[in-house]
């Protein structure tokens, strides 16, 4: 396959996939917990609360929290 550009999403295999193309991207695995709750109101997009290191993502009729 030939292409002018490609997008590689971060993950466990990113280093092995990108290395042959000279791309070196450090990826550190995350640890944490997640849960989904039915909210009173859904956010319209993923939101990152940097101070608490928490991400809230709308997921169907729920909101997923990841620490």
Protein backbone atom coordinates (compact mmCIF):
# COMPACT_ATOMS: atom_id res chain seq x y z
CA UNK A 1 0.00 0.00 0.00
CA UNK A 2 1.26 3.48 -0.86
CA UNK A 3 0.17 6.64 0.92
CA UNK A 4 1.28 10.22 1.36
CA UNK A 5 0.40 10.23 5.05
CA UNK A 6 -0.68 7.87 7.81
CA UNK A 7 -2.10 8.25 11.30
CA UNK A 8 -0.92 5.95 14.09
CA UNK A 9 -2.88 6.00 17.32
CA UNK A 10 -0.92 5.63 20.57
CA UNK A 11 -1.01 2.18 22.05
CA UNK A 12 1.11 -0.76 23.08
CA UNK A 13 2.35 -1.44 19.52
CA UNK A 14 3.07 2.15 18.48
CA UNK A 15 6.85 1.86 18.84
CA UNK A 16 7.07 -1.26 16.69
CA UNK A 17 4.75 0.12 14.05
CA UNK A 18 6.42 3.53 13.79
CA UNK A 19 10.11 2.52 14.11
CA UNK A 20 10.55 1.30 10.51
CA UNK A 21 9.55 4.81 9.38
CA UNK A 22 12.03 6.58 11.65
CA UNK A 23 9.36 7.78 14.05
CA UNK A 24 10.29 7.58 17.72
CA UNK A 25 7.42 8.40 20.02
CA UNK A 26 7.64 7.53 23.71
CA UNK A 27 4.40 6.07 25.01
CA UNK A 28 3.84 5.46 28.69
CA UNK A 29 1.07 3.16 29.78
CA UNK A 30 -1.52 4.62 32.07
CA UNK A 31 -2.94 3.17 35.21
CA UNK A 32 -6.23 4.05 36.66
CA UNK A 33 -9.85 3.29 37.04
CA UNK A 34 -12.88 4.02 34.93
CA UNK A 35 -16.60 3.81 35.43
CA UNK A 36 -19.73 4.93 33.60
CA UNK A 37 -22.62 6.78 35.16
CA UNK A 38 -25.98 8.03 33.89
CA UNK A 39 -25.58 11.85 34.12
CA UNK A 40 -28.04 14.64 34.73
CA UNK A 41 -26.69 16.27 31.53
CA UNK A 42 -24.27 14.91 28.94
CA UNK A 43 -21.11 16.77 27.95
CA UNK A 44 -20.83 17.34 24.20
CA UNK A 45 -17.18 16.24 23.93
CA UNK A 46 -14.43 14.58 25.98
CA UNK A 47 -13.17 16.83 28.77
CA UNK A 48 -9.84 16.59 30.62
CA UNK A 49 -9.55 17.94 34.15
CA UNK A 50 -5.76 18.37 34.37
CA UNK A 51 -5.60 19.24 38.06
CA UNK A 52 -7.28 15.94 39.01
CA UNK A 53 -5.98 14.00 35.98
CA UNK A 54 -9.50 12.82 35.13
CA UNK A 55 -11.12 12.46 31.70
CA UNK A 56 -14.89 12.52 31.17
CA UNK A 57 -16.16 11.17 27.85
CA UNK A 58 -19.76 11.04 26.60
CA UNK A 59 -20.59 7.43 25.77
CA UNK A 60 -24.11 6.84 24.48
CA UNK A 61 -26.48 7.78 27.28
CA UNK A 62 -23.72 7.75 29.92
CA UNK A 63 -20.54 9.58 30.85
CA UNK A 64 -17.34 7.59 31.30
CA UNK A 65 -14.87 8.83 33.92
CA UNK A 66 -11.26 7.71 33.71
CA UNK A 67 -8.66 8.43 36.34
